[in-house]
Each structure stands twice: as C-alpha cells, then as structure tokens.
Amino acid sequence: MKQENYRPLPDNLTIKESKIEGLGLFATEDIDKGDYIGFTHFYSEGHPDNYIRTPLGGFINHSEDPNCELFDSKFRNKLKSLFLISKKDIKVGEELTLKYNLYNPEE
C-alpha cells in the first residue's frame, strides 16, 4: 500500500515571508471568490482559547481589507470548527488575509 505524504496546507497555498507580519499564507494558484480553502481551527474544550489552530489558521495575517473570511461550523453536533472561504478573487502570489481581533478570552 502506497503511503500518502502529509500536507499541512491545501495544495494551492504556501507559507513565506509576509510584508504584513512575519510569515503568511500565499496562493500558488488562482483562488476564486467563494472558494472553500480549509479548516483553520478545531474546538477543544480546555485548550487555551478552546481552539486548536491548524497550520492554515496559524499563518494567516490580519488586514482591514481582507480577501478571506471565517465561518463557524458544527458537524453532527460534536465537532465545532472554523473554516476559511475566499471573499474576493485571489491571484497567484497574493497573500491571504483575514480581519480579526486579538482579545483576552476572560473579558
């Protein structure tokens, strides 16, 4: 049986240096508006902020004019997760961004 190689990101994305902050997610092929990109977080009670970030969720940078947005999902009332959808056409080489806030979960 052939073993598949693990890929932490969708095939159409890569991680590289960002002009926004540190490292970011970049398109390696065009992404159309409304495309499903992948899961960014999985709910885990007791984990800091109650979510575990995927590589997709760990490398996306903030923008006041983002090209992606997050959606909340529940599967069979058991697995709560967040996933990323493109809200604009994204061209090859363009960085994927979200509008998000850093917050104190105790507030």
C-alpha atoms as a PDB file:
ATOM      1  CA  MET A   1       0.000   0.000   0.000  1.00  0.00           C
ATOM      2  CA  LYS A   2       1.364   3.397  -1.003  1.00  0.00           C
ATOM      3  CA  GLN A   3       1.626   5.828   1.894  1.00  0.00           C
ATOM      4  CA  GLU A   4       0.407   9.351   1.196  1.00  0.00           C
ATOM      5  CA  ASN A   5       2.581  12.284   2.229  1.00  0.00           C
ATOM      6  CA  TYR A   6       1.066  14.542   4.868  1.00  0.00           C
ATOM      7  CA  ARG A   7       0.406  18.069   3.635  1.00  0.00           C
ATOM      8  CA  PRO A   8      -0.389  20.600   6.373  1.00  0.00           C
ATOM      9  CA  LEU A   9      -1.796  23.101   3.843  1.00  0.00           C
ATOM     10  CA  PRO A  10      -4.060  22.826   0.813  1.00  0.00           C
ATOM     11  CA  ASP A  11      -2.110  22.276  -2.431  1.00  0.00           C
ATOM     12  CA  ASN A  12      -2.873  25.817  -3.640  1.00  0.00           C
ATOM     13  CA  LEU A  13      -1.143  27.559  -0.686  1.00  0.00           C
ATOM     14  CA  THR A  14       2.356  28.031   0.653  1.00  0.00           C
ATOM     15  CA  ILE A  15       3.961  29.815   3.606  1.00  0.00           C
ATOM     16  CA  LYS A  16       6.545  32.526   3.001  1.00  0.00           C
ATOM     17  CA  GLU A  17       7.732  35.903   4.289  1.00  0.00           C
ATOM     18  CA  SER A  18       4.973  38.479   4.604  1.00  0.00           C
ATOM     19  CA  LYS A  19       5.127  42.248   4.207  1.00  0.00           C
ATOM     20  CA  ILE A  20       2.371  42.391   6.845  1.00  0.00           C
ATOM     21  CA  GLU A  21       3.971  40.401   9.693  1.00  0.00           C
ATOM     22  CA  GLY A  22       6.444  37.519   9.898  1.00  0.00           C
ATOM     23  CA  LEU A  23       5.234  34.640   7.755  1.00  0.00           C
ATOM     24  CA  GLY A  24       1.967  34.475   5.850  1.00  0.00           C
ATOM     25  CA  LEU A  25      -0.146  32.310   3.546  1.00  0.00           C
ATOM     26  CA  PHE A  26       0.214  32.848  -0.197  1.00  0.00           C
ATOM     27  CA  ALA A  27      -1.694  31.493  -3.180  1.00  0.00           C
ATOM     28  CA  THR A  28       0.265  29.207  -5.518  1.00  0.00           C
ATOM     29  CA  GLU A  29      -2.657  29.195  -7.969  1.00  0.00           C
ATOM     30  CA  ASP A  30      -5.649  31.464  -8.506  1.00  0.00           C
ATOM     31  CA  ILE A  31      -8.468  31.129  -5.947  1.00  0.00           C
ATOM     32  CA  ASP A  32     -11.959  32.230  -6.964  1.00  0.00           C
ATOM     33  CA  LYS A  33     -14.285  34.309  -4.805  1.00  0.00           C
ATOM     34  CA  GLY A  34     -16.388  31.982  -2.639  1.00  0.00           C
ATOM     35  CA  ASP A  35     -13.953  29.044  -2.737  1.00  0.00           C
ATOM     36  CA  TYR A  36     -13.633  26.846   0.343  1.00  0.00           C
ATOM     37  CA  ILE A  37      -9.982  26.973   1.424  1.00  0.00           C
ATOM     38  CA  GLY A  38      -9.875  24.759   4.519  1.00  0.00           C
ATOM     39  CA  PHE A  39     -10.186  24.390   8.293  1.00  0.00           C
ATOM     40  CA  THR A  40      -8.358  26.922  10.461  1.00  0.00           C
ATOM     41  CA  HIS A  41      -9.400  25.877  14.000  1.00  0.00           C
ATOM     42  CA  PHE A  42     -10.959  22.912  15.781  1.00  0.00           C
ATOM     43  CA  TYR A  43     -12.815  23.290  19.070  1.00  0.00           C
ATOM     44  CA  SER A  44     -11.141  21.632  22.054  1.00  0.00           C
ATOM     45  CA  GLU A  45     -12.593  22.329  25.482  1.00  0.00           C
ATOM     46  CA  GLY A  46      -9.853  23.068  27.985  1.00  0.00           C
ATOM     47  CA  HIS A  47      -7.316  24.081  25.340  1.00  0.00           C
ATOM     48  CA  PRO A  48      -6.174  27.735  25.502  1.00  0.00           C
ATOM     49  CA  ASP A  49      -8.976  29.831  23.948  1.00  0.00           C
ATOM     50  CA  ASN A  50     -10.848  26.495  23.440  1.00  0.00           C
ATOM     51  CA  TYR A  51      -9.473  26.071  19.900  1.00  0.00           C
ATOM     52  CA  ILE A  52      -6.563  24.251  18.296  1.00  0.00           C
ATOM     53  CA  ARG A  53      -5.171  26.096  15.287  1.00  0.00           C
ATOM     54  CA  THR A  54      -4.258  24.268  12.107  1.00  0.00           C
ATOM     55  CA  PRO A  55      -1.289  25.483  10.016  1.00  0.00           C
ATOM     56  CA  LEU A  56      -3.856  27.325   7.907  1.00  0.00           C
ATOM     57  CA  GLY A  57      -5.106  29.192  10.992  1.00  0.00           C
ATOM     58  CA  GLY A  58      -1.639  29.804  12.375  1.00  0.00           C
ATOM     59  CA  PHE A  59      -0.155  31.689   9.438  1.00  0.00           C
ATOM     60  CA  ILE A  60      -2.941  33.928   8.141  1.00  0.00           C
ATOM     61  CA  ASN A  61      -2.324  37.637   8.746  1.00  0.00           C
ATOM     62  CA  HIS A  62      -4.698  40.498   9.560  1.00  0.00           C
ATOM     63  CA  SER A  63      -5.910  43.104   7.074  1.00  0.00           C
ATOM     64  CA  GLU A  64      -8.507  45.852   7.308  1.00  0.00           C
ATOM     65  CA  ASP A  65      -9.440  44.896   3.721  1.00  0.00           C
ATOM     66  CA  PRO A  66      -9.248  41.074   3.883  1.00  0.00           C
ATOM     67  CA  ASN A  67      -9.658  38.679   0.974  1.00  0.00           C
ATOM     68  CA  CYS A  68     -10.935  35.804   3.180  1.00  0.00           C
ATOM     69  CA  GLU A  69     -13.423  35.290   5.985  1.00  0.00           C
ATOM     70  CA  LEU A  70     -14.050  32.690   8.683  1.00  0.00           C
ATOM     71  CA  PHE A  71     -17.190  30.651   9.151  1.00  0.00           C
ATOM     72  CA  ASP A  72     -18.267  28.606  12.166  1.00  0.00           C
ATOM     73  CA  SER A  73     -19.412  25.054  11.604  1.00  0.00           C
ATOM     74  CA  LYS A  74     -20.702  22.130  13.649  1.00  0.00           C
ATOM     75  CA  PHE A  75     -20.574  18.578  12.386  1.00  0.00           C
ATOM     76  CA  ARG A  76     -23.132  16.165  13.771  1.00  0.00           C
ATOM     77  CA  ASN A  77     -23.378  18.421  16.852  1.00  0.00           C
ATOM     78  CA  LYS A  78     -19.993  17.112  18.001  1.00  0.00           C
ATOM     79  CA  LEU A  79     -17.121  18.754  16.143  1.00  0.00           C
ATOM     80  CA  LYS A  80     -17.131  22.537  16.168  1.00  0.00           C
ATOM     81  CA  SER A  81     -14.653  24.150  13.820  1.00  0.00           C
ATOM     82  CA  LEU A  82     -13.815  27.294  11.885  1.00  0.00           C
ATOM     83  CA  PHE A  83     -13.125  27.274   8.170  1.00  0.00           C
ATOM     84  CA  LEU A  84     -11.852  29.769   5.624  1.00  0.00           C
ATOM     85  CA  ILE A  85     -13.653  30.998   2.487  1.00  0.00           C
ATOM     86  CA  SER A  86     -12.295  33.484  -0.062  1.00  0.00           C
ATOM     87  CA  LYS A  87     -14.390  36.642  -0.195  1.00  0.00           C
ATOM     88  CA  LYS A  88     -12.565  38.012  -3.260  1.00  0.00           C
ATOM     89  CA  ASP A  89     -10.675  36.551  -6.195  1.00  0.00           C
ATOM     90  CA  ILE A  90      -7.103  35.845  -5.055  1.00  0.00           C
ATOM     91  CA  LYS A  91      -4.321  35.770  -7.639  1.00  0.00           C
ATOM     92  CA  VAL A  92      -1.155  33.635  -7.655  1.00  0.00           C
ATOM     93  CA  GLY A  93       1.399  35.167  -5.277  1.00  0.00           C
ATOM     94  CA  GLU A  94      -1.183  37.167  -3.318  1.00  0.00           C
ATOM     95  CA  GLU A  95      -1.239  36.851   0.476  1.00  0.00           C
ATOM     96  CA  LEU A  96      -4.416  35.519   2.103  1.00  0.00           C
ATOM     97  CA  THR A  97      -5.733  37.762   4.884  1.00  0.00           C
ATOM     98  CA  LEU A  98      -8.478  37.992   7.497  1.00  0.00           C
ATOM     99  CA  LYS A  99      -9.874  40.803   9.564  1.00  0.00           C
ATOM    100  CA  TYR A 100      -9.513  39.633  13.141  1.00  0.00           C
ATOM    101  CA  ASN A 101      -9.078  40.997  16.640  1.00  0.00           C
ATOM    102  CA  LEU A 102      -6.741  39.808  19.351  1.00  0.00           C
ATOM    103  CA  TYR A 103      -8.627  39.620  22.610  1.00  0.00           C
ATOM    104  CA  ASN A 104      -8.463  38.489  26.200  1.00  0.00           C
ATOM    105  CA  PRO A 105     -10.805  35.456  26.484  1.00  0.00           C
ATOM    106  CA  GLU A 106     -11.504  36.336  30.151  1.00  0.00           C
ATOM    107  CA  GLU A 107     -13.117  39.685  29.206  1.00  0.00           C
END
